[in-house]
Each structure stands twice: as structure tokens, then as C-alpha cells.
Amino acid sequence: MKKYIPWIIIAVVIIWLFSAYNGLVNKEENTEAAWAQVENVYQRRADLIPNLVNTVKGAADFEKGTLTDVIEARAKATSINVDPSNLSPEAIQQFQQAQDGLSSALARLMVVVERYPELKATENFSQLQAQLEGTENRIAVERRRFNEVVREYNTSIRRVPGNILAGIFGFERKGYFEAEEGSEKAPEVKF
């Protein structure tokens, strides 16, 4: 029986290594899936914007610069893609800056719309505005979920013995969504 003990120990260690490695792979995949969902809700917002802009164009004749800003910000926001396997803080920051520009342009558009009661009264505009508000809430929820999954993954690769496996197999920390500097202050919209 004593001669089997080393083999049993080796078998247990190998089973543990496979299990731990597969656990890290699952957490990394969950992180990438959560990122894909973040991109999904941002894409939903980008898809709604042309409809919103066309509705506003059709119902009001006002500063074209505001519409141009929204269109340009949408183009910039949709042009930045982050590779899910490289969720570095810098890549997420670049993505977030483009999205913040779009959020700012949409906020200016909504303020301008306040000056056009006939536009606010149209059913199409009301529905689109509600869709955008819902989408902004979805974005916040998915960003929170993403950060939770990243926290779980990062914790796993930093704790013993996961940190040993992470070092051997090249698992690296993922970046979080973080608030922009100065975001604790309410934005001031000026025209």
C-alpha cells in the first residue's frame, strides 16, 4: 500500500492542477463574455442614435452643430474596438473616452430639444428618448457586472495557488471600468 501513496499524491496534484487551470479559463472566458455584453449595450445605443437624430431633424429646425456633434461622436465611439483578450486599463480608458464623448453630445441634444415643445410631444421622439434612457441604465448595469466578473478573475489569479498557475500559463490581470476624473461633479451644459 505504501508504494501507491506517491502515485496517489501525484494523481491528486494533477487533478487539482487541471481543475484549477480550468477554473481560471472559465473565469477568463466569463470576463470576455461580460465585455462582449458591455459592447452590446453600447452598440444598442449607437443603433438608436440615427433614429433619434432623424426624428429630431424632421421635427425641429435648430442648430445643426448639435446634430453634427452627435453624429461625429457616434462615429468615433463605434470606431474604437477593444480586443477582449487585452482588457488592459488603457484600452478600456480609450473606449470609455469615446463613449463619454457620445454621452456628452447626447446630453447637449436633449437640452436643445427642451426648447422645442412640439418635438417633445411627438410619440416617436418620446419612445426614442425612453429607449435611450433605458439603454443608459443597461450600460450602467453591464459595466457593473463586468467589473464584478473582472474582480473575481483578478482575485483568482492573484491568490495562492492561482497566482502560481497564472504565472506559469500567462493569465494576466484585466482592467476595470473606472469613473472619469472629475465625474463626481455634475456636467454643465452650455450652448
N, C-alpha and C. Protein backbone atom coordinates (compact mmCIF):
# COMPACT_ATOMS: atom_id res chain seq x y z
N MET A 1 0.82 -1.19 0.00
CA MET A 1 0.00 0.00 0.00
C MET A 1 0.87 1.26 0.00
N LYS A 2 1.98 1.22 0.76
CA LYS A 2 2.85 2.38 0.85
C LYS A 2 3.45 2.75 -0.50
N LYS A 3 3.64 1.78 -1.37
CA LYS A 3 4.23 2.09 -2.65
C LYS A 3 3.27 2.86 -3.56
N TYR A 4 1.95 2.84 -3.26
CA TYR A 4 0.97 3.57 -4.07
C TYR A 4 0.75 5.01 -3.60
N ILE A 5 1.19 5.32 -2.41
CA ILE A 5 0.97 6.67 -1.85
C ILE A 5 1.58 7.75 -2.74
N PRO A 6 2.82 7.64 -3.21
CA PRO A 6 3.35 8.68 -4.10
C PRO A 6 2.52 8.84 -5.38
N TRP A 7 2.04 7.73 -5.92
CA TRP A 7 1.22 7.80 -7.14
C TRP A 7 -0.13 8.45 -6.86
N ILE A 8 -0.67 8.17 -5.72
CA ILE A 8 -1.95 8.79 -5.34
C ILE A 8 -1.77 10.30 -5.18
N ILE A 9 -0.67 10.69 -4.54
CA ILE A 9 -0.37 12.12 -4.35
C ILE A 9 -0.18 12.80 -5.71
N ILE A 10 0.56 12.17 -6.59
CA ILE A 10 0.78 12.73 -7.93
C ILE A 10 -0.55 12.86 -8.68
N ALA A 11 -1.39 11.84 -8.58
CA ALA A 11 -2.70 11.88 -9.25
C ALA A 11 -3.56 13.01 -8.70
N VAL A 12 -3.57 13.17 -7.38
CA VAL A 12 -4.35 14.25 -6.75
C VAL A 12 -3.83 15.61 -7.20
N VAL A 13 -2.52 15.78 -7.24
CA VAL A 13 -1.93 17.06 -7.67
C VAL A 13 -2.30 17.34 -9.13
N ILE A 14 -2.21 16.33 -9.98
CA ILE A 14 -2.55 16.52 -11.39
C ILE A 14 -4.03 16.88 -11.55
N ILE A 15 -4.88 16.19 -10.84
CA ILE A 15 -6.32 16.50 -10.90
C ILE A 15 -6.56 17.93 -10.40
N TRP A 16 -5.89 18.29 -9.31
CA TRP A 16 -6.04 19.65 -8.79
C TRP A 16 -5.55 20.68 -9.81
N LEU A 17 -4.40 20.43 -10.44
CA LEU A 17 -3.87 21.36 -11.44
C LEU A 17 -4.86 21.55 -12.60
N PHE A 18 -5.40 20.46 -13.10
CA PHE A 18 -6.39 20.55 -14.19
C PHE A 18 -7.60 21.36 -13.74
N SER A 19 -8.07 21.06 -12.55
CA SER A 19 -9.26 21.75 -12.03
C SER A 19 -8.99 23.25 -11.85
N ALA A 20 -7.85 23.58 -11.27
CA ALA A 20 -7.50 24.99 -11.04
C ALA A 20 -7.31 25.72 -12.37
N TYR A 21 -6.62 25.09 -13.30
CA TYR A 21 -6.40 25.70 -14.61
C TYR A 21 -7.73 25.94 -15.31
N ASN A 22 -8.59 24.92 -15.32
CA ASN A 22 -9.90 25.07 -15.97
C ASN A 22 -10.74 26.14 -15.28
N GLY A 23 -10.60 26.27 -13.97
CA GLY A 23 -11.32 27.33 -13.26
C GLY A 23 -10.87 28.71 -13.72
N LEU A 24 -9.55 28.89 -13.91
CA LEU A 24 -9.03 30.17 -14.40
C LEU A 24 -9.51 30.44 -15.83
N VAL A 25 -9.52 29.40 -16.66
CA VAL A 25 -10.01 29.56 -18.03
C VAL A 25 -11.47 29.99 -18.02
N ASN A 26 -12.28 29.35 -17.19
CA ASN A 26 -13.70 29.73 -17.10
C ASN A 26 -13.86 31.18 -16.67
N LYS A 27 -13.10 31.61 -15.71
CA LYS A 27 -13.21 33.00 -15.23
C LYS A 27 -12.74 33.98 -16.29
N GLU A 28 -11.70 33.62 -17.04
CA GLU A 28 -11.24 34.49 -18.12
C GLU A 28 -12.30 34.58 -19.21
N GLU A 29 -12.92 33.45 -19.55
CA GLU A 29 -13.99 33.45 -20.54
C GLU A 29 -15.19 34.26 -20.06
N ASN A 30 -15.52 34.16 -18.78
CA ASN A 30 -16.62 34.96 -18.23
C ASN A 30 -16.32 36.45 -18.34
N THR A 31 -15.05 36.81 -18.14
CA THR A 31 -14.65 38.21 -18.27
C THR A 31 -14.84 38.69 -19.70
N GLU A 32 -14.42 37.88 -20.66
CA GLU A 32 -14.57 38.25 -22.07
C GLU A 32 -16.04 38.30 -22.48
N ALA A 33 -16.85 37.40 -21.94
CA ALA A 33 -18.29 37.42 -22.24
C ALA A 33 -18.95 38.66 -21.63
N ALA A 34 -18.53 39.03 -20.44
CA ALA A 34 -19.08 40.24 -19.82
C ALA A 34 -18.69 41.47 -20.63
N TRP A 35 -17.46 41.49 -21.15
CA TRP A 35 -17.04 42.61 -22.00
C TRP A 35 -17.90 42.67 -23.27
N ALA A 36 -18.17 41.52 -23.85
CA ALA A 36 -19.00 41.47 -25.06
C ALA A 36 -20.38 42.05 -24.77
N GLN A 37 -20.91 41.79 -23.59
CA GLN A 37 -22.22 42.33 -23.24
C GLN A 37 -22.15 43.85 -23.05
N VAL A 38 -21.05 44.34 -22.50
CA VAL A 38 -20.87 45.80 -22.39
C VAL A 38 -20.89 46.41 -23.79
N GLU A 39 -20.13 45.81 -24.71
CA GLU A 39 -20.11 46.32 -26.08
C GLU A 39 -21.49 46.22 -26.72
N ASN A 40 -22.23 45.19 -26.40
CA ASN A 40 -23.57 45.00 -26.94
C ASN A 40 -24.49 46.16 -26.56
N VAL A 41 -24.49 46.56 -25.30
CA VAL A 41 -25.39 47.65 -24.91
C VAL A 41 -24.91 48.99 -25.47
N TYR A 42 -23.60 49.17 -25.61
CA TYR A 42 -23.12 50.39 -26.27
C TYR A 42 -23.53 50.39 -27.74
N GLN A 43 -23.50 49.23 -28.38
CA GLN A 43 -23.93 49.14 -29.78
C GLN A 43 -25.41 49.45 -29.90
N ARG A 44 -26.19 49.00 -28.94
CA ARG A 44 -27.63 49.29 -28.95
C ARG A 44 -27.84 50.81 -28.94
N ARG A 45 -27.08 51.49 -28.12
CA ARG A 45 -27.21 52.95 -28.06
C ARG A 45 -26.81 53.55 -29.40
N ALA A 46 -25.71 53.08 -29.96
CA ALA A 46 -25.26 53.62 -31.26
C ALA A 46 -26.29 53.35 -32.35
N ASP A 47 -26.97 52.23 -32.29
CA ASP A 47 -28.00 51.92 -33.28
C ASP A 47 -29.24 52.81 -33.14
N LEU A 48 -29.54 53.23 -31.92
CA LEU A 48 -30.71 54.10 -31.69
C LEU A 48 -30.45 55.54 -32.13
N ILE A 49 -29.22 55.97 -32.10
CA ILE A 49 -28.91 57.38 -32.35
C ILE A 49 -29.34 57.85 -33.74
N PRO A 50 -29.10 57.11 -34.82
CA PRO A 50 -29.56 57.61 -36.12
C PRO A 50 -31.07 57.85 -36.16
N ASN A 51 -31.84 56.98 -35.51
CA ASN A 51 -33.29 57.19 -35.45
C ASN A 51 -33.64 58.44 -34.66
N LEU A 52 -32.95 58.65 -33.56
CA LEU A 52 -33.18 59.84 -32.76
C LEU A 52 -32.83 61.10 -33.55
N VAL A 53 -31.69 61.09 -34.20
CA VAL A 53 -31.26 62.25 -34.98
C VAL A 53 -32.25 62.53 -36.10
N ASN A 54 -32.69 61.51 -36.81
CA ASN A 54 -33.66 61.72 -37.89
C ASN A 54 -34.99 62.23 -37.38
N THR A 55 -35.42 61.76 -36.23
CA THR A 55 -36.66 62.26 -35.64
C THR A 55 -36.54 63.72 -35.27
N VAL A 56 -35.41 64.07 -34.68
CA VAL A 56 -35.18 65.46 -34.30
C VAL A 56 -35.09 66.33 -35.54
N LYS A 57 -34.38 65.87 -36.56
CA LYS A 57 -34.26 66.63 -37.81
C LYS A 57 -35.63 66.89 -38.42
N GLY A 58 -36.47 65.88 -38.40
CA GLY A 58 -37.78 66.01 -39.02
C GLY A 58 -38.73 66.89 -38.25
N ALA A 59 -38.53 67.04 -36.97
CA ALA A 59 -39.49 67.77 -36.16
C ALA A 59 -39.03 69.16 -35.74
N ALA A 60 -37.77 69.47 -35.90
CA ALA A 60 -37.29 70.78 -35.45
C ALA A 60 -36.20 71.29 -36.38
N ASP A 61 -36.17 72.59 -36.52
CA ASP A 61 -35.12 73.21 -37.31
C ASP A 61 -34.29 74.05 -36.35
N PHE A 62 -33.17 73.52 -35.91
CA PHE A 62 -32.34 74.24 -34.96
C PHE A 62 -30.88 73.99 -35.28
N GLU A 63 -30.03 74.36 -34.36
CA GLU A 63 -28.59 74.30 -34.57
C GLU A 63 -28.16 72.97 -35.17
N LYS A 64 -27.62 73.03 -36.35
CA LYS A 64 -27.13 71.81 -36.98
C LYS A 64 -25.86 71.32 -36.32
N GLY A 65 -25.17 72.21 -35.64
CA GLY A 65 -23.93 71.82 -34.97
C GLY A 65 -24.17 70.75 -33.92
N THR A 66 -25.28 70.82 -33.22
CA THR A 66 -25.59 69.82 -32.20
C THR A 66 -25.77 68.45 -32.83
N LEU A 67 -26.53 68.40 -33.93
CA LEU A 67 -26.72 67.12 -34.62
C LEU A 67 -25.40 66.61 -35.19
N THR A 68 -24.60 67.51 -35.72
CA THR A 68 -23.30 67.12 -36.26
C THR A 68 -22.42 66.54 -35.17
N ASP A 69 -22.45 67.18 -33.98
CA ASP A 69 -21.66 66.67 -32.85
C ASP A 69 -22.09 65.26 -32.46
N VAL A 70 -23.39 65.01 -32.44
CA VAL A 70 -23.90 63.69 -32.08
C VAL A 70 -23.45 62.66 -33.13
N ILE A 71 -23.60 63.01 -34.39
CA ILE A 71 -23.22 62.08 -35.47
C ILE A 71 -21.72 61.78 -35.42
N GLU A 72 -20.90 62.81 -35.21
CA GLU A 72 -19.45 62.60 -35.15
C GLU A 72 -19.06 61.80 -33.92
N ALA A 73 -19.70 62.09 -32.79
CA ALA A 73 -19.38 61.35 -31.57
C ALA A 73 -19.78 59.88 -31.70
N ARG A 74 -20.89 59.61 -32.37
CA ARG A 74 -21.31 58.23 -32.60
C ARG A 74 -20.29 57.51 -33.48
N ALA A 75 -19.84 58.19 -34.53
CA ALA A 75 -18.86 57.58 -35.43
C ALA A 75 -17.57 57.25 -34.67
N LYS A 76 -17.12 58.16 -33.82
CA LYS A 76 -15.89 57.93 -33.06
C LYS A 76 -16.09 56.79 -32.07
N ALA A 77 -17.24 56.78 -31.39
CA ALA A 77 -17.50 55.75 -30.38
C ALA A 77 -17.59 54.37 -31.00
N THR A 78 -18.14 54.27 -32.19
CA THR A 78 -18.27 52.95 -32.82
C THR A 78 -16.99 52.52 -33.53
N SER A 79 -16.03 53.42 -33.68
CA SER A 79 -14.80 53.06 -34.37
C SER A 79 -13.76 52.45 -33.44
N ILE A 80 -13.96 52.58 -32.14
CA ILE A 80 -12.98 52.05 -31.18
C ILE A 80 -13.44 50.68 -30.70
N ASN A 81 -12.61 49.70 -30.97
CA ASN A 81 -12.88 48.34 -30.53
C ASN A 81 -11.79 47.88 -29.59
N VAL A 82 -12.19 47.14 -28.57
CA VAL A 82 -11.24 46.61 -27.61
C VAL A 82 -11.22 45.10 -27.76
N ASP A 83 -10.03 44.55 -27.92
CA ASP A 83 -9.85 43.11 -28.02
C ASP A 83 -10.13 42.49 -26.65
N PRO A 84 -11.12 41.59 -26.54
CA PRO A 84 -11.45 41.01 -25.24
C PRO A 84 -10.28 40.30 -24.56
N SER A 85 -9.31 39.84 -25.34
CA SER A 85 -8.17 39.17 -24.72
C SER A 85 -7.15 40.18 -24.18
N ASN A 86 -7.35 41.47 -24.48
CA ASN A 86 -6.45 42.52 -23.99
C ASN A 86 -7.28 43.60 -23.31
N LEU A 87 -7.89 43.26 -22.19
CA LEU A 87 -8.72 44.21 -21.47
C LEU A 87 -7.86 45.00 -20.48
N SER A 88 -6.88 45.69 -21.01
CA SER A 88 -5.99 46.49 -20.18
C SER A 88 -6.71 47.77 -19.75
N PRO A 89 -6.29 48.35 -18.64
CA PRO A 89 -6.89 49.63 -18.21
C PRO A 89 -6.80 50.70 -19.30
N GLU A 90 -5.71 50.71 -20.05
CA GLU A 90 -5.54 51.73 -21.10
C GLU A 90 -6.55 51.54 -22.23
N ALA A 91 -6.76 50.30 -22.64
CA ALA A 91 -7.72 50.01 -23.72
C ALA A 91 -9.13 50.37 -23.28
N ILE A 92 -9.47 50.03 -22.05
CA ILE A 92 -10.80 50.35 -21.54
C ILE A 92 -10.97 51.86 -21.40
N GLN A 93 -9.92 52.55 -20.98
CA GLN A 93 -9.96 54.01 -20.86
C GLN A 93 -10.21 54.67 -22.21
N GLN A 94 -9.53 54.21 -23.24
CA GLN A 94 -9.72 54.77 -24.58
C GLN A 94 -11.15 54.54 -25.06
N PHE A 95 -11.66 53.35 -24.85
CA PHE A 95 -13.04 53.03 -25.22
C PHE A 95 -14.00 53.95 -24.46
N GLN A 96 -13.76 54.10 -23.16
CA GLN A 96 -14.66 54.90 -22.32
C GLN A 96 -14.63 56.37 -22.72
N GLN A 97 -13.48 56.90 -23.10
CA GLN A 97 -13.41 58.30 -23.51
C GLN A 97 -14.27 58.55 -24.74
N ALA A 98 -14.25 57.64 -25.69
CA ALA A 98 -15.09 57.80 -26.89
C ALA A 98 -16.57 57.72 -26.51
N GLN A 99 -16.90 56.81 -25.60
CA GLN A 99 -18.30 56.68 -25.17
C GLN A 99 -18.75 57.91 -24.38
N ASP A 100 -17.84 58.48 -23.58
CA ASP A 100 -18.17 59.69 -22.83
C ASP A 100 -18.44 60.87 -23.76
N GLY A 101 -17.69 60.94 -24.87
CA GLY A 101 -17.94 61.99 -25.86
C GLY A 101 -19.34 61.87 -26.45
N LEU A 102 -19.76 60.66 -26.70
CA LEU A 102 -21.10 60.42 -27.23
C LEU A 102 -22.15 60.77 -26.18
N SER A 103 -21.92 60.40 -24.95
CA SER A 103 -22.86 60.74 -23.87
C SER A 103 -23.02 62.25 -23.74
N SER A 104 -21.92 62.96 -23.84
CA SER A 104 -21.95 64.41 -23.74
C SER A 104 -22.73 65.03 -24.90
N ALA A 105 -22.50 64.54 -26.11
CA ALA A 105 -23.22 65.05 -27.28
C ALA A 105 -24.71 64.77 -27.15
N LEU A 106 -25.08 63.60 -26.65
CA LEU A 106 -26.50 63.28 -26.45
C LEU A 106 -27.12 64.18 -25.40
N ALA A 107 -26.38 64.47 -24.34
CA ALA A 107 -26.90 65.37 -23.30
C ALA A 107 -27.17 66.75 -23.88
N ARG A 108 -26.26 67.26 -24.73
CA ARG A 108 -26.49 68.57 -25.35
C ARG A 108 -27.71 68.53 -26.26
N LEU A 109 -27.88 67.42 -26.99
CA LEU A 109 -29.04 67.27 -27.86
C LEU A 109 -30.33 67.32 -27.04
N MET A 110 -30.36 66.63 -25.93
CA MET A 110 -31.57 66.61 -25.10
C MET A 110 -31.88 68.00 -24.54
N VAL A 111 -30.85 68.78 -24.21
CA VAL A 111 -31.09 70.13 -23.69
C VAL A 111 -31.67 71.00 -24.80
N VAL A 112 -31.14 70.89 -26.01
CA VAL A 112 -31.66 71.67 -27.13
C VAL A 112 -33.11 71.30 -27.40
N VAL A 113 -33.42 70.03 -27.29
CA VAL A 113 -34.78 69.55 -27.55
C VAL A 113 -35.78 70.18 -26.58
N GLU A 114 -35.31 70.50 -25.37
CA GLU A 114 -36.20 71.12 -24.38
C GLU A 114 -36.79 72.43 -24.92
N ARG A 115 -36.11 73.07 -25.86
CA ARG A 115 -36.60 74.34 -26.40
C ARG A 115 -37.66 74.13 -27.48
N TYR A 116 -37.94 72.88 -27.82
CA TYR A 116 -38.89 72.58 -28.89
C TYR A 116 -40.03 71.70 -28.36
N PRO A 117 -41.05 72.33 -27.75
CA PRO A 117 -42.14 71.55 -27.16
C PRO A 117 -42.85 70.65 -28.18
N GLU A 118 -42.93 71.09 -29.44
CA GLU A 118 -43.62 70.27 -30.44
C GLU A 118 -42.86 68.97 -30.70
N LEU A 119 -41.54 69.00 -30.53
CA LEU A 119 -40.74 67.78 -30.71
C LEU A 119 -40.95 66.84 -29.53
N LYS A 120 -40.94 67.39 -28.34
CA LYS A 120 -41.13 66.55 -27.16
C LYS A 120 -42.49 65.88 -27.17
N ALA A 121 -43.46 66.49 -27.83
CA ALA A 121 -44.81 65.95 -27.85
C ALA A 121 -44.97 64.79 -28.83
N THR A 122 -44.04 64.63 -29.77
CA THR A 122 -44.21 63.56 -30.75
C THR A 122 -43.97 62.21 -30.10
N GLU A 123 -44.78 61.25 -30.47
CA GLU A 123 -44.69 59.92 -29.89
C GLU A 123 -43.37 59.24 -30.23
N ASN A 124 -42.92 59.40 -31.48
CA ASN A 124 -41.66 58.77 -31.88
C ASN A 124 -40.49 59.26 -31.03
N PHE A 125 -40.45 60.57 -30.83
CA PHE A 125 -39.35 61.11 -30.04
C PHE A 125 -39.42 60.61 -28.60
N SER A 126 -40.62 60.60 -28.03
CA SER A 126 -40.78 60.13 -26.65
C SER A 126 -40.32 58.68 -26.52
N GLN A 127 -40.68 57.86 -27.50
CA GLN A 127 -40.27 56.45 -27.45
C GLN A 127 -38.76 56.31 -27.59
N LEU A 128 -38.17 57.07 -28.50
CA LEU A 128 -36.72 57.00 -28.66
C LEU A 128 -35.98 57.50 -27.42
N GLN A 129 -36.51 58.56 -26.83
CA GLN A 129 -35.89 59.09 -25.62
C GLN A 129 -35.97 58.05 -24.50
N ALA A 130 -37.10 57.39 -24.37
CA ALA A 130 -37.24 56.34 -23.36
C ALA A 130 -36.28 55.18 -23.64
N GLN A 131 -36.12 54.83 -24.91
CA GLN A 131 -35.19 53.75 -25.28
C GLN A 131 -33.75 54.13 -24.91
N LEU A 132 -33.39 55.38 -25.19
CA LEU A 132 -32.03 55.82 -24.84
C LEU A 132 -31.81 55.83 -23.33
N GLU A 133 -32.83 56.29 -22.59
CA GLU A 133 -32.70 56.29 -21.13
C GLU A 133 -32.55 54.87 -20.61
N GLY A 134 -33.35 53.95 -21.16
CA GLY A 134 -33.23 52.55 -20.77
C GLY A 134 -31.88 51.97 -21.13
N THR A 135 -31.37 52.37 -22.29
CA THR A 135 -30.07 51.88 -22.73
C THR A 135 -28.97 52.39 -21.81
N GLU A 136 -29.04 53.64 -21.41
CA GLU A 136 -28.04 54.18 -20.48
C GLU A 136 -28.06 53.40 -19.17
N ASN A 137 -29.25 53.02 -18.70
CA ASN A 137 -29.34 52.21 -17.49
C ASN A 137 -28.72 50.82 -17.72
N ARG A 138 -28.99 50.25 -18.90
CA ARG A 138 -28.39 48.94 -19.22
C ARG A 138 -26.88 49.02 -19.27
N ILE A 139 -26.38 50.11 -19.80
CA ILE A 139 -24.92 50.29 -19.86
C ILE A 139 -24.35 50.29 -18.44
N ALA A 140 -24.99 51.03 -17.55
CA ALA A 140 -24.51 51.08 -16.16
C ALA A 140 -24.54 49.69 -15.52
N VAL A 141 -25.61 48.94 -15.76
CA VAL A 141 -25.73 47.59 -15.19
C VAL A 141 -24.64 46.67 -15.74
N GLU A 142 -24.44 46.70 -17.05
CA GLU A 142 -23.45 45.81 -17.65
C GLU A 142 -22.03 46.19 -17.26
N ARG A 143 -21.77 47.47 -17.10
CA ARG A 143 -20.44 47.88 -16.64
C ARG A 143 -20.20 47.38 -15.22
N ARG A 144 -21.23 47.46 -14.38
CA ARG A 144 -21.11 46.95 -13.00
C ARG A 144 -20.87 45.44 -13.03
N ARG A 145 -21.64 44.72 -13.84
CA ARG A 145 -21.45 43.27 -13.94
C ARG A 145 -20.05 42.92 -14.45
N PHE A 146 -19.60 43.67 -15.44
CA PHE A 146 -18.26 43.45 -15.97
C PHE A 146 -17.22 43.61 -14.87
N ASN A 147 -17.33 44.68 -14.09
CA ASN A 147 -16.37 44.92 -13.01
C ASN A 147 -16.42 43.80 -11.97
N GLU A 148 -17.60 43.26 -11.70
CA GLU A 148 -17.71 42.15 -10.75
C GLU A 148 -16.98 40.91 -11.27
N VAL A 149 -17.16 40.60 -12.55
CA VAL A 149 -16.52 39.44 -13.15
C VAL A 149 -15.00 39.65 -13.19
N VAL A 150 -14.57 40.84 -13.54
CA VAL A 150 -13.13 41.14 -13.56
C VAL A 150 -12.54 41.02 -12.16
N ARG A 151 -13.27 41.51 -11.16
CA ARG A 151 -12.79 41.40 -9.78
C ARG A 151 -12.60 39.94 -9.39
N GLU A 152 -13.57 39.10 -9.73
CA GLU A 152 -13.47 37.68 -9.41
C GLU A 152 -12.27 37.04 -10.12
N TYR A 153 -12.11 37.36 -11.40
CA TYR A 153 -10.98 36.83 -12.17
C TYR A 153 -9.65 37.31 -11.60
N ASN A 154 -9.52 38.63 -11.41
CA ASN A 154 -8.26 39.19 -10.90
C ASN A 154 -7.93 38.63 -9.52
N THR A 155 -8.94 38.43 -8.69
CA THR A 155 -8.71 37.85 -7.37
C THR A 155 -8.18 36.43 -7.50
N SER A 156 -8.75 35.68 -8.43
CA SER A 156 -8.32 34.29 -8.62
C SER A 156 -6.88 34.17 -9.07
N ILE A 157 -6.45 35.08 -9.92
CA ILE A 157 -5.07 34.96 -10.42
C ILE A 157 -4.05 35.61 -9.48
N ARG A 158 -4.52 36.27 -8.45
CA ARG A 158 -3.58 36.90 -7.50
C ARG A 158 -3.44 36.09 -6.21
N ARG A 159 -4.42 35.23 -5.92
CA ARG A 159 -4.37 34.45 -4.69
C ARG A 159 -3.57 33.17 -4.89
N VAL A 160 -2.96 32.73 -3.82
CA VAL A 160 -2.23 31.46 -3.84
C VAL A 160 -3.27 30.34 -3.84
N PRO A 161 -3.13 29.35 -4.63
CA PRO A 161 -2.09 28.98 -5.57
C PRO A 161 -2.39 29.45 -6.99
N GLY A 162 -3.53 30.15 -7.19
CA GLY A 162 -3.87 30.62 -8.53
C GLY A 162 -2.81 31.50 -9.14
N ASN A 163 -2.12 32.28 -8.30
CA ASN A 163 -1.09 33.16 -8.84
C ASN A 163 0.07 32.36 -9.45
N ILE A 164 0.34 31.19 -8.92
CA ILE A 164 1.40 30.34 -9.47
C ILE A 164 0.99 29.85 -10.85
N LEU A 165 -0.23 29.33 -10.94
CA LEU A 165 -0.74 28.86 -12.23
C LEU A 165 -0.85 30.00 -13.23
N ALA A 166 -1.32 31.16 -12.75
CA ALA A 166 -1.47 32.31 -13.64
C ALA A 166 -0.11 32.71 -14.21
N GLY A 167 0.91 32.67 -13.38
CA GLY A 167 2.25 33.00 -13.86
C GLY A 167 2.77 31.99 -14.86
N ILE A 168 2.53 30.74 -14.59
CA ILE A 168 3.01 29.67 -15.49
C ILE A 168 2.30 29.72 -16.84
N PHE A 169 0.98 29.93 -16.80
CA PHE A 169 0.18 29.84 -18.03
C PHE A 169 -0.14 31.19 -18.65
N GLY A 170 0.37 32.27 -18.10
CA GLY A 170 0.23 33.58 -18.74
C GLY A 170 -1.11 34.28 -18.55
N PHE A 171 -1.85 33.95 -17.50
CA PHE A 171 -3.08 34.69 -17.21
C PHE A 171 -2.69 36.05 -16.64
N GLU A 172 -3.25 37.12 -17.22
CA GLU A 172 -2.89 38.47 -16.77
C GLU A 172 -4.11 39.20 -16.26
N ARG A 173 -3.85 40.19 -15.41
CA ARG A 173 -4.93 41.00 -14.84
C ARG A 173 -5.70 41.70 -15.94
N LYS A 174 -6.99 41.89 -15.72
CA LYS A 174 -7.86 42.62 -16.63
C LYS A 174 -8.16 43.99 -16.02
N GLY A 175 -8.46 44.95 -16.89
CA GLY A 175 -8.78 46.30 -16.42
C GLY A 175 -10.24 46.44 -16.06
N TYR A 176 -10.53 47.39 -15.20
CA TYR A 176 -11.89 47.71 -14.77
C TYR A 176 -12.40 48.93 -15.52
N PHE A 177 -13.72 49.07 -15.56
CA PHE A 177 -14.30 50.35 -15.93
C PHE A 177 -14.16 51.23 -14.72
N GLU A 178 -13.65 52.43 -14.90
CA GLU A 178 -13.49 53.36 -13.79
C GLU A 178 -14.12 54.69 -14.18
N ALA A 179 -14.58 55.40 -13.18
CA ALA A 179 -15.18 56.71 -13.43
C ALA A 179 -14.11 57.66 -13.97
N GLU A 180 -14.52 58.51 -14.88
CA GLU A 180 -13.60 59.52 -15.41
C GLU A 180 -13.24 60.50 -14.30
N GLU A 181 -12.04 61.03 -14.37
CA GLU A 181 -11.64 62.03 -13.40
C GLU A 181 -12.57 63.23 -13.51
N GLY A 182 -13.08 63.68 -12.39
CA GLY A 182 -13.99 64.82 -12.38
C GLY A 182 -15.45 64.44 -12.58
N SER A 183 -15.74 63.13 -12.70
CA SER A 183 -17.13 62.73 -12.95
C SER A 183 -18.00 62.86 -11.71
N GLU A 184 -17.39 63.12 -10.56
CA GLU A 184 -18.19 63.33 -9.36
C GLU A 184 -18.94 64.67 -9.40
N LYS A 185 -18.53 65.56 -10.32
CA LYS A 185 -19.18 66.85 -10.48
C LYS A 185 -20.22 66.75 -11.60
N ALA A 186 -21.36 67.35 -11.38
CA ALA A 186 -22.41 67.34 -12.40
C ALA A 186 -21.93 68.12 -13.62
N PRO A 187 -22.18 67.59 -14.84
CA PRO A 187 -21.75 68.30 -16.03
C PRO A 187 -22.58 69.56 -16.25
N GLU A 188 -21.95 70.58 -16.79
CA GLU A 188 -22.64 71.83 -17.11
C GLU A 188 -22.81 71.88 -18.62
N VAL A 189 -24.05 71.99 -19.05
CA VAL A 189 -24.34 72.03 -20.47
C VAL A 189 -24.53 73.47 -20.88
N LYS A 190 -23.74 73.92 -21.88
CA LYS A 190 -23.82 75.29 -22.37
C LYS A 190 -23.99 75.28 -23.88
N PHE A 191 -24.66 76.27 -24.38
CA PHE A 191 -24.83 76.45 -25.83
C PHE A 191 -24.36 77.83 -26.21
